[in-house]
C-alpha cells in the first residue's frame, strides 16, 4: 500500500484521524464495531477520528490489525508524533490524552503543558545536538499537547514546582515574565492547580528528577519519570506506588495554593 501524502495545510493529528475514518468506512465498520475490535472505547475512537486526541502506538497498531492495513496507521502515527520526538516519549502522548487526572512534580522547569512558546523554545534548544528544524517540530507538538487543558473534558491537572523554577532565568527577563503570567492565567481554570515547594524548606525530596502520574479510567495508573538522558514510562505497580509515595511527600512540603500564587506574582514583578 502506498503511503498517503498529507495536505501540508492539514495538521498531522487531523490527517491521521481522516485517514483512520476513511479506512474504517472502506471496511464498512461502525465506530462501535471497530472500537470493540481494537479494545478501545468508541468515544476515544471518535475523538481520534475528529483530530481531537493523540492516539497511542498500541491504538494505531490495533487499528492496523483490525483493518488489515499492513502497518499503515502505525507509520502515520510515527509522523504524527514527530520524527524528532524520542521513541520512548511517543507512548506517553497517548496516555496523556486519555488521562482524567495528571499530577506532576517538576524541580527544574515549568511543566511542558504550562510552558509559553518562548520558554519552551529555550528549553528545547538546550538539548544536545538538536537542529533548529527539530526544535520547531518539537515546539509545535508541545503547543498542540497543551490543548488538552482547554478542551471540553479537560483532565484535572495538578502541578507542584520547586521555587527555583520561578527564579531560574530561562530565556531572560521577558521570557520569564511572560511565563509567570502564563502560570497565573492557567489557574483561572478550576481544572488546574499549582503549588510551590519553598526554597526555605531546604528539603531535597524529589530533587533528583521530575515525574508525572497519569490516572486513566478503568486501568492502572501510568507514570512518566525524567532522567538525564531519556524518560521512562511504566505501569509496573511497584514503580507506580513509589512515585505516588514521593509525590505525597513532596506535596506535604508544598505551600497552599493561595500562598504559592503569591510567590508566582512576586516572581512576575521581579522579572518585570
C-alpha atoms as a PDB file:
ATOM      1  CA  UNK A   1       0.000   0.000   0.000  1.00  0.00           C
ATOM      2  CA  UNK A   2       1.427   3.377  -0.997  1.00  0.00           C
ATOM      3  CA  UNK A   3       1.577   5.842   1.910  1.00  0.00           C
ATOM      4  CA  UNK A   4      -0.856   8.756   1.608  1.00  0.00           C
ATOM      5  CA  UNK A   5       0.508  12.242   1.032  1.00  0.00           C
ATOM      6  CA  UNK A   6      -0.905  14.649   3.614  1.00  0.00           C
ATOM      7  CA  UNK A   7      -2.014  18.123   2.637  1.00  0.00           C
ATOM      8  CA  UNK A   8       0.652  20.417   4.148  1.00  0.00           C
ATOM      9  CA  UNK A   9      -2.120  22.724   5.380  1.00  0.00           C
ATOM     10  CA  UNK A  10      -3.753  19.966   7.474  1.00  0.00           C
ATOM     11  CA  UNK A  11      -2.429  19.298  10.977  1.00  0.00           C
ATOM     12  CA  UNK A  12      -0.885  15.820  11.343  1.00  0.00           C
ATOM     13  CA  UNK A  13      -3.431  14.900  14.022  1.00  0.00           C
ATOM     14  CA  UNK A  14      -6.360  15.836  11.776  1.00  0.00           C
ATOM     15  CA  UNK A  15      -4.811  13.941   8.849  1.00  0.00           C
ATOM     16  CA  UNK A  16      -4.350  10.801  10.949  1.00  0.00           C
ATOM     17  CA  UNK A  17      -7.997  10.972  12.023  1.00  0.00           C
ATOM     18  CA  UNK A  18      -9.288  11.477   8.495  1.00  0.00           C
ATOM     19  CA  UNK A  19      -7.252   8.522   7.216  1.00  0.00           C
ATOM     20  CA  UNK A  20      -8.489   6.310  10.030  1.00  0.00           C
ATOM     21  CA  UNK A  21     -12.103   7.267   9.301  1.00  0.00           C
ATOM     22  CA  UNK A  22     -11.571   6.621   5.568  1.00  0.00           C
ATOM     23  CA  UNK A  23     -10.133   3.145   6.189  1.00  0.00           C
ATOM     24  CA  UNK A  24     -12.879   2.287   8.714  1.00  0.00           C
ATOM     25  CA  UNK A  25     -15.664   3.263   6.333  1.00  0.00           C
ATOM     26  CA  UNK A  26     -13.991   1.420   3.463  1.00  0.00           C
ATOM     27  CA  UNK A  27     -14.287  -1.743   5.582  1.00  0.00           C
ATOM     28  CA  UNK A  28     -17.935  -0.998   6.335  1.00  0.00           C
ATOM     29  CA  UNK A  29     -17.357  -0.838  10.094  1.00  0.00           C
ATOM     30  CA  UNK A  30     -19.208   1.360  12.555  1.00  0.00           C
ATOM     31  CA  UNK A  31     -17.367   3.206  15.309  1.00  0.00           C
ATOM     32  CA  UNK A  32     -18.717   0.733  17.832  1.00  0.00           C
ATOM     33  CA  UNK A  33     -17.588  -2.344  15.877  1.00  0.00           C
ATOM     34  CA  UNK A  34     -14.070  -1.043  15.291  1.00  0.00           C
ATOM     35  CA  UNK A  35     -13.810   0.125  18.916  1.00  0.00           C
ATOM     36  CA  UNK A  36     -14.710  -3.380  20.097  1.00  0.00           C
ATOM     37  CA  UNK A  37     -12.150  -4.900  17.742  1.00  0.00           C
ATOM     38  CA  UNK A  38      -9.295  -2.666  18.911  1.00  0.00           C
ATOM     39  CA  UNK A  39     -10.370  -2.779  22.587  1.00  0.00           C
ATOM     40  CA  UNK A  40     -10.625   0.991  22.990  1.00  0.00           C
ATOM     41  CA  UNK A  41     -13.759   2.998  23.738  1.00  0.00           C
ATOM     42  CA  UNK A  42     -15.981   4.321  20.917  1.00  0.00           C
ATOM     43  CA  UNK A  43     -15.688   7.814  22.401  1.00  0.00           C
ATOM     44  CA  UNK A  44     -11.872   7.738  22.169  1.00  0.00           C
ATOM     45  CA  UNK A  45     -12.061   6.407  18.609  1.00  0.00           C
ATOM     46  CA  UNK A  46     -14.399   9.254  17.723  1.00  0.00           C
ATOM     47  CA  UNK A  47     -12.067  11.827  19.267  1.00  0.00           C
ATOM     48  CA  UNK A  48      -9.119  10.439  17.289  1.00  0.00           C
ATOM     49  CA  UNK A  49     -11.063  10.470  14.026  1.00  0.00           C
ATOM     50  CA  UNK A  50     -12.004  14.114  14.621  1.00  0.00           C
ATOM     51  CA  UNK A  51      -8.365  15.027  15.293  1.00  0.00           C
ATOM     52  CA  UNK A  52      -9.054  15.864  18.938  1.00  0.00           C
ATOM     53  CA  UNK A  53      -6.870  13.231  20.640  1.00  0.00           C
ATOM     54  CA  UNK A  54      -3.372  11.910  20.018  1.00  0.00           C
ATOM     55  CA  UNK A  55      -3.547   8.085  19.854  1.00  0.00           C
ATOM     56  CA  UNK A  56      -1.017   5.770  21.435  1.00  0.00           C
ATOM     57  CA  UNK A  57       1.174   3.410  19.436  1.00  0.00           C
ATOM     58  CA  UNK A  58      -0.974   0.486  20.673  1.00  0.00           C
ATOM     59  CA  UNK A  59      -4.097   2.223  19.363  1.00  0.00           C
ATOM     60  CA  UNK A  60      -2.539   2.659  15.900  1.00  0.00           C
ATOM     61  CA  UNK A  61      -1.238  -0.917  15.852  1.00  0.00           C
ATOM     62  CA  UNK A  62      -4.607  -2.363  16.878  1.00  0.00           C
ATOM     63  CA  UNK A  63      -6.342  -0.356  14.153  1.00  0.00           C
ATOM     64  CA  UNK A  64      -3.819  -1.613  11.606  1.00  0.00           C
ATOM     65  CA  UNK A  65      -4.509  -5.198  12.652  1.00  0.00           C
ATOM     66  CA  UNK A  66      -8.303  -4.821  12.734  1.00  0.00           C
ATOM     67  CA  UNK A  67      -8.415  -3.085   9.345  1.00  0.00           C
ATOM     68  CA  UNK A  68      -5.668  -5.228   7.739  1.00  0.00           C
ATOM     69  CA  UNK A  69      -3.641  -2.161   6.742  1.00  0.00           C
ATOM     70  CA  UNK A  70      -0.177  -3.669   6.927  1.00  0.00           C
ATOM     71  CA  UNK A  71       1.161  -1.111   9.399  1.00  0.00           C
ATOM     72  CA  UNK A  72      -0.025   1.981   7.502  1.00  0.00           C
ATOM     73  CA  UNK A  73      -1.533   3.751  10.515  1.00  0.00           C
ATOM     74  CA  UNK A  74       1.490   2.924  12.651  1.00  0.00           C
ATOM     75  CA  UNK A  75       3.688   4.636  10.057  1.00  0.00           C
ATOM     76  CA  UNK A  76       1.376   7.660  10.106  1.00  0.00           C
ATOM     77  CA  UNK A  77       1.466   7.611  13.913  1.00  0.00           C
ATOM     78  CA  UNK A  78       5.267   7.983  13.842  1.00  0.00           C
ATOM     79  CA  UNK A  79       4.871  11.071  11.646  1.00  0.00           C
ATOM     80  CA  UNK A  80       2.072  12.302  13.872  1.00  0.00           C
ATOM     81  CA  UNK A  81       4.233  12.258  16.974  1.00  0.00           C
ATOM     82  CA  UNK A  82       7.114  13.869  15.095  1.00  0.00           C
ATOM     83  CA  UNK A  83      10.317  12.399  13.770  1.00  0.00           C
ATOM     84  CA  UNK A  84      12.174  14.487  16.311  1.00  0.00           C
ATOM     85  CA  UNK A  85      10.114  13.076  19.170  1.00  0.00           C
ATOM     86  CA  UNK A  86      12.088  10.416  21.062  1.00  0.00           C
ATOM     87  CA  UNK A  87      10.592   6.937  20.735  1.00  0.00           C
ATOM     88  CA  UNK A  88      10.285   6.493  24.494  1.00  0.00           C
ATOM     89  CA  UNK A  89       8.067   9.604  24.720  1.00  0.00           C
ATOM     90  CA  UNK A  90       5.617   8.665  21.971  1.00  0.00           C
ATOM     91  CA  UNK A  91       3.623   6.197  24.063  1.00  0.00           C
ATOM     92  CA  UNK A  92       3.244   8.856  26.758  1.00  0.00           C
ATOM     93  CA  UNK A  93       1.459  11.167  24.304  1.00  0.00           C
ATOM     94  CA  UNK A  94      -1.497   8.791  24.043  1.00  0.00           C
ATOM     95  CA  UNK A  95      -1.559   8.163  27.789  1.00  0.00           C
ATOM     96  CA  UNK A  96      -1.602  11.899  28.482  1.00  0.00           C
ATOM     97  CA  UNK A  97      -4.534  12.383  26.118  1.00  0.00           C
ATOM     98  CA  UNK A  98      -6.615   9.639  27.743  1.00  0.00           C
ATOM     99  CA  UNK A  99      -5.919  10.568  31.388  1.00  0.00           C
ATOM    100  CA  UNK A 100      -8.665  12.088  33.513  1.00  0.00           C
ATOM    101  CA  UNK A 101      -6.126  13.322  36.101  1.00  0.00           C
ATOM    102  CA  UNK A 102      -2.471  14.340  35.815  1.00  0.00           C
ATOM    103  CA  UNK A 103      -0.226  15.016  38.809  1.00  0.00           C
ATOM    104  CA  UNK A 104       3.275  16.316  38.185  1.00  0.00           C
ATOM    105  CA  UNK A 105       6.341  17.352  40.159  1.00  0.00           C
ATOM    106  CA  UNK A 106       8.945  19.500  38.418  1.00  0.00           C
ATOM    107  CA  UNK A 107      12.092  20.666  40.251  1.00  0.00           C
ATOM    108  CA  UNK A 108      13.830  22.342  37.270  1.00  0.00           C
ATOM    109  CA  UNK A 109      11.403  23.598  34.629  1.00  0.00           C
ATOM    110  CA  UNK A 110       7.821  24.697  34.196  1.00  0.00           C
ATOM    111  CA  UNK A 111       5.837  21.617  33.052  1.00  0.00           C
ATOM    112  CA  UNK A 112       5.521  21.322  29.278  1.00  0.00           C
ATOM    113  CA  UNK A 113       1.729  21.649  29.408  1.00  0.00           C
ATOM    114  CA  UNK A 114       2.099  25.102  31.017  1.00  0.00           C
ATOM    115  CA  UNK A 115       5.068  26.475  29.074  1.00  0.00           C
ATOM    116  CA  UNK A 116       4.845  29.517  26.837  1.00  0.00           C
ATOM    117  CA  UNK A 117       6.150  29.132  23.305  1.00  0.00           C
ATOM    118  CA  UNK A 118       9.183  31.305  24.053  1.00  0.00           C
ATOM    119  CA  UNK A 119      10.060  29.430  27.256  1.00  0.00           C
ATOM    120  CA  UNK A 120       9.593  26.031  25.577  1.00  0.00           C
ATOM    121  CA  UNK A 121      11.828  27.024  22.655  1.00  0.00           C
ATOM    122  CA  UNK A 122      14.689  27.892  25.029  1.00  0.00           C
ATOM    123  CA  UNK A 123      14.254  24.641  26.956  1.00  0.00           C
ATOM    124  CA  UNK A 124      14.216  22.537  23.779  1.00  0.00           C
ATOM    125  CA  UNK A 125      17.295  24.273  22.394  1.00  0.00           C
ATOM    126  CA  UNK A 126      19.153  23.144  25.483  1.00  0.00           C
ATOM    127  CA  UNK A 127      19.097  19.549  24.252  1.00  0.00           C
ATOM    128  CA  UNK A 128      22.468  18.411  22.833  1.00  0.00           C
ATOM    129  CA  UNK A 129      22.882  18.015  19.067  1.00  0.00           C
ATOM    130  CA  UNK A 130      19.398  19.241  18.184  1.00  0.00           C
ATOM    131  CA  UNK A 131      18.775  21.156  14.968  1.00  0.00           C
ATOM    132  CA  UNK A 132      16.618  24.268  14.615  1.00  0.00           C
ATOM    133  CA  UNK A 133      14.218  22.222  12.485  1.00  0.00           C
ATOM    134  CA  UNK A 134      13.864  19.595  15.215  1.00  0.00           C
ATOM    135  CA  UNK A 135      13.287  22.327  17.803  1.00  0.00           C
ATOM    136  CA  UNK A 136      10.436  23.793  15.776  1.00  0.00           C
ATOM    137  CA  UNK A 137       8.835  20.364  15.236  1.00  0.00           C
ATOM    138  CA  UNK A 138       9.013  19.548  18.918  1.00  0.00           C
ATOM    139  CA  UNK A 139       7.730  23.009  19.800  1.00  0.00           C
ATOM    140  CA  UNK A 140       4.697  22.565  17.551  1.00  0.00           C
ATOM    141  CA  UNK A 141       3.913  19.196  19.200  1.00  0.00           C
ATOM    142  CA  UNK A 142       4.255  20.732  22.666  1.00  0.00           C
ATOM    143  CA  UNK A 143       1.873  23.557  21.859  1.00  0.00           C
ATOM    144  CA  UNK A 144      -0.641  21.049  20.422  1.00  0.00           C
ATOM    145  CA  UNK A 145      -0.409  18.950  23.588  1.00  0.00           C
ATOM    146  CA  UNK A 146      -1.496  21.929  25.673  1.00  0.00           C
ATOM    147  CA  UNK A 147      -4.926  21.840  24.027  1.00  0.00           C
ATOM    148  CA  UNK A 148      -5.966  19.074  26.435  1.00  0.00           C
ATOM    149  CA  UNK A 149      -6.175  21.676  29.233  1.00  0.00           C
ATOM    150  CA  UNK A 150      -8.773  23.740  27.359  1.00  0.00           C
ATOM    151  CA  UNK A 151     -10.889  21.034  25.754  1.00  0.00           C
ATOM    152  CA  UNK A 152     -14.442  20.345  26.931  1.00  0.00           C
ATOM    153  CA  UNK A 153     -13.488  17.357  29.095  1.00  0.00           C
ATOM    154  CA  UNK A 154     -10.107  18.630  30.243  1.00  0.00           C
ATOM    155  CA  UNK A 155      -8.273  16.477  32.792  1.00  0.00           C
ATOM    156  CA  UNK A 156      -7.591  17.650  36.306  1.00  0.00           C
ATOM    157  CA  UNK A 157      -4.014  18.935  36.228  1.00  0.00           C
ATOM    158  CA  UNK A 158      -2.138  19.422  39.485  1.00  0.00           C
ATOM    159  CA  UNK A 159       1.458  20.672  39.325  1.00  0.00           C
ATOM    160  CA  UNK A 160       3.965  21.041  42.143  1.00  0.00           C
ATOM    161  CA  UNK A 161       7.041  23.135  41.316  1.00  0.00           C
ATOM    162  CA  UNK A 162      10.214  23.864  43.211  1.00  0.00           C
ATOM    163  CA  UNK A 163      10.570  27.589  43.930  1.00  0.00           C
ATOM    164  CA  UNK A 164      13.830  27.528  41.985  1.00  0.00           C
ATOM    165  CA  UNK A 165      11.760  27.124  38.804  1.00  0.00           C
ATOM    166  CA  UNK A 166      10.431  30.661  39.369  1.00  0.00           C
ATOM    167  CA  UNK A 167      13.955  32.046  39.803  1.00  0.00           C
ATOM    168  CA  UNK A 168      15.935  30.279  37.081  1.00  0.00           C
ATOM    169  CA  UNK A 169      16.370  32.822  34.214  1.00  0.00           C
ATOM    170  CA  UNK A 170      15.282  30.651  31.300  1.00  0.00           C
ATOM    171  CA  UNK A 171      15.493  32.897  28.236  1.00  0.00           C
ATOM    172  CA  UNK A 172      15.856  36.154  30.172  1.00  0.00           C
ATOM    173  CA  UNK A 173      13.524  38.630  31.815  1.00  0.00           C
ATOM    174  CA  UNK A 174      10.916  38.969  29.082  1.00  0.00           C
ATOM    175  CA  UNK A 175      10.539  35.212  28.686  1.00  0.00           C
ATOM    176  CA  UNK A 176      10.280  34.655  32.430  1.00  0.00           C
ATOM    177  CA  UNK A 177       7.787  37.478  32.963  1.00  0.00           C
ATOM    178  CA  UNK A 178       5.558  36.060  30.236  1.00  0.00           C
ATOM    179  CA  UNK A 179       5.927  32.568  31.709  1.00  0.00           C
ATOM    180  CA  UNK A 180       4.885  33.708  35.189  1.00  0.00           C
ATOM    181  CA  UNK A 181       1.837  35.345  33.615  1.00  0.00           C
ATOM    182  CA  UNK A 182       1.041  32.077  31.849  1.00  0.00           C
ATOM    183  CA  UNK A 183       1.077  30.210  35.173  1.00  0.00           C
ATOM    184  CA  UNK A 184      -1.239  32.741  36.785  1.00  0.00           C
ATOM    185  CA  UNK A 185      -3.617  32.568  33.839  1.00  0.00           C
ATOM    186  CA  UNK A 186      -3.614  28.753  33.905  1.00  0.00           C
ATOM    187  CA  UNK A 187      -5.022  28.608  37.426  1.00  0.00           C
ATOM    188  CA  UNK A 188      -8.031  30.662  36.365  1.00  0.00           C
ATOM    189  CA  UNK A 189      -9.339  27.269  35.259  1.00  0.00           C
ATOM    190  CA  UNK A 190     -10.778  25.200  38.130  1.00  0.00           C
ATOM    191  CA  UNK A 191      -9.181  22.161  36.444  1.00  0.00           C
ATOM    192  CA  UNK A 192      -5.626  23.444  37.009  1.00  0.00           C
ATOM    193  CA  UNK A 193      -3.808  23.792  40.313  1.00  0.00           C
ATOM    194  CA  UNK A 194      -0.231  24.864  41.091  1.00  0.00           C
ATOM    195  CA  UNK A 195       1.691  24.614  44.354  1.00  0.00           C
ATOM    196  CA  UNK A 196       5.241  25.683  45.129  1.00  0.00           C
ATOM    197  CA  UNK A 197       7.795  23.976  47.378  1.00  0.00           C
ATOM    198  CA  UNK A 198       9.680  26.878  49.027  1.00  0.00           C
ATOM    199  CA  UNK A 199      13.460  27.027  48.923  1.00  0.00           C
ATOM    200  CA  UNK A 200      13.476  27.974  52.590  1.00  0.00           C
ATOM    201  CA  UNK A 201      12.252  24.490  53.437  1.00  0.00           C
ATOM    202  CA  UNK A 202      15.623  23.047  52.476  1.00  0.00           C
ATOM    203  CA  UNK A 203      14.039  19.699  51.636  1.00  0.00           C
ATOM    204  CA  UNK A 204      15.714  17.524  48.974  1.00  0.00           C
ATOM    205  CA  UNK A 205      12.898  15.058  48.336  1.00  0.00           C
ATOM    206  CA  UNK A 206      12.326  14.883  44.603  1.00  0.00           C
ATOM    207  CA  UNK A 207      15.315  16.966  43.505  1.00  0.00           C
ATOM    208  CA  UNK A 208      16.742  14.027  41.550  1.00  0.00           C
ATOM    209  CA  UNK A 209      14.101  14.420  38.863  1.00  0.00           C
ATOM    210  CA  UNK A 210      10.577  15.270  37.829  1.00  0.00           C
ATOM    211  CA  UNK A 211       7.713  12.924  37.060  1.00  0.00           C
ATOM    212  CA  UNK A 212       4.069  12.794  36.012  1.00  0.00           C
ATOM    213  CA  UNK A 213       1.344  10.470  37.273  1.00  0.00           C
ATOM    214  CA  UNK A 214      -1.489   9.793  34.828  1.00  0.00           C
ATOM    215  CA  UNK A 215      -4.744   8.355  36.132  1.00  0.00           C
ATOM    216  CA  UNK A 216      -6.841   6.727  33.406  1.00  0.00           C
ATOM    217  CA  UNK A 217     -10.392   5.391  33.515  1.00  0.00           C
ATOM    218  CA  UNK A 218     -10.678   1.689  34.232  1.00  0.00           C
ATOM    219  CA  UNK A 219      -6.985   0.855  34.211  1.00  0.00           C
ATOM    220  CA  UNK A 220      -3.712   1.067  36.152  1.00  0.00           C
ATOM    221  CA  UNK A 221      -2.063   4.449  36.666  1.00  0.00           C
ATOM    222  CA  UNK A 222       0.902   5.220  34.421  1.00  0.00           C
ATOM    223  CA  UNK A 223       3.936   7.255  35.394  1.00  0.00           C
ATOM    224  CA  UNK A 224       6.488   9.154  33.355  1.00  0.00           C
ATOM    225  CA  UNK A 225       9.856   9.644  35.072  1.00  0.00           C
ATOM    226  CA  UNK A 226      12.514  12.086  33.867  1.00  0.00           C
ATOM    227  CA  UNK A 227      16.187  11.159  33.718  1.00  0.00           C
ATOM    228  CA  UNK A 228      19.348  12.799  32.421  1.00  0.00           C
ATOM    229  CA  UNK A 229      19.217  11.088  29.018  1.00  0.00           C
ATOM    230  CA  UNK A 230      15.622   9.960  28.472  1.00  0.00           C
ATOM    231  CA  UNK A 231      12.279   9.449  30.143  1.00  0.00           C
ATOM    232  CA  UNK A 232      10.795   6.240  31.422  1.00  0.00           C
ATOM    233  CA  UNK A 233       7.114   5.291  31.076  1.00  0.00           C
ATOM    234  CA  UNK A 234       5.775   2.454  33.201  1.00  0.00           C
ATOM    235  CA  UNK A 235       2.674   0.937  34.754  1.00  0.00           C
ATOM    236  CA  UNK A 236       4.610  -1.500  36.964  1.00  0.00           C
ATOM    237  CA  UNK A 237       2.788  -1.496  40.282  1.00  0.00           C
ATOM    238  CA  UNK A 238       5.889  -1.146  42.472  1.00  0.00           C
ATOM    239  CA  UNK A 239       7.172   1.814  40.468  1.00  0.00           C
ATOM    240  CA  UNK A 240       3.772   3.498  40.377  1.00  0.00           C
ATOM    241  CA  UNK A 241       3.416   3.116  44.151  1.00  0.00           C
ATOM    242  CA  UNK A 242       6.909   4.509  44.734  1.00  0.00           C
ATOM    243  CA  UNK A 243       6.172   7.580  42.612  1.00  0.00           C
ATOM    244  CA  UNK A 244       2.828   8.128  44.370  1.00  0.00           C
ATOM    245  CA  UNK A 245       4.620   7.999  47.728  1.00  0.00           C
ATOM    246  CA  UNK A 246       7.206  10.510  46.571  1.00  0.00           C
ATOM    247  CA  UNK A 247       4.506  12.820  45.225  1.00  0.00           C
ATOM    248  CA  UNK A 248       2.646  12.702  48.549  1.00  0.00           C
ATOM    249  CA  UNK A 249       5.870  13.514  50.434  1.00  0.00           C
ATOM    250  CA  UNK A 250       6.598  16.473  48.136  1.00  0.00           C
ATOM    251  CA  UNK A 251       3.028  17.767  48.338  1.00  0.00           C
ATOM    252  CA  UNK A 252       3.260  17.739  52.133  1.00  0.00           C
ATOM    253  CA  UNK A 253       6.163  20.222  51.851  1.00  0.00           C
ATOM    254  CA  UNK A 254       4.406  22.479  49.327  1.00  0.00           C
ATOM    255  CA  UNK A 255       2.703  25.752  50.199  1.00  0.00           C
ATOM    256  CA  UNK A 256      -1.096  26.043  49.923  1.00  0.00           C
ATOM    257  CA  UNK A 257      -2.212  27.259  46.517  1.00  0.00           C
ATOM    258  CA  UNK A 258      -3.025  30.841  47.553  1.00  0.00           C
ATOM    259  CA  UNK A 259       0.462  31.260  49.049  1.00  0.00           C
ATOM    260  CA  UNK A 260       2.006  29.584  46.013  1.00  0.00           C
ATOM    261  CA  UNK A 261       0.264  32.037  43.694  1.00  0.00           C
ATOM    262  CA  UNK A 262       1.592  34.913  45.793  1.00  0.00           C
ATOM    263  CA  UNK A 263       5.121  33.621  45.126  1.00  0.00           C
ATOM    264  CA  UNK A 264       4.416  33.459  41.399  1.00  0.00           C
ATOM    265  CA  UNK A 265       3.074  37.024  41.427  1.00  0.00           C
ATOM    266  CA  UNK A 266       6.205  38.194  43.259  1.00  0.00           C
ATOM    267  CA  UNK A 267       8.352  36.427  40.701  1.00  0.00           C
ATOM    268  CA  UNK A 268       6.416  38.067  37.855  1.00  0.00           C
ATOM    269  CA  UNK A 269       7.154  41.504  39.402  1.00  0.00           C
ATOM    270  CA  UNK A 270      10.859  40.684  39.817  1.00  0.00           C
ATOM    271  CA  UNK A 271      11.113  39.726  36.131  1.00  0.00           C
ATOM    272  CA  UNK A 272       9.368  42.960  35.066  1.00  0.00           C
END
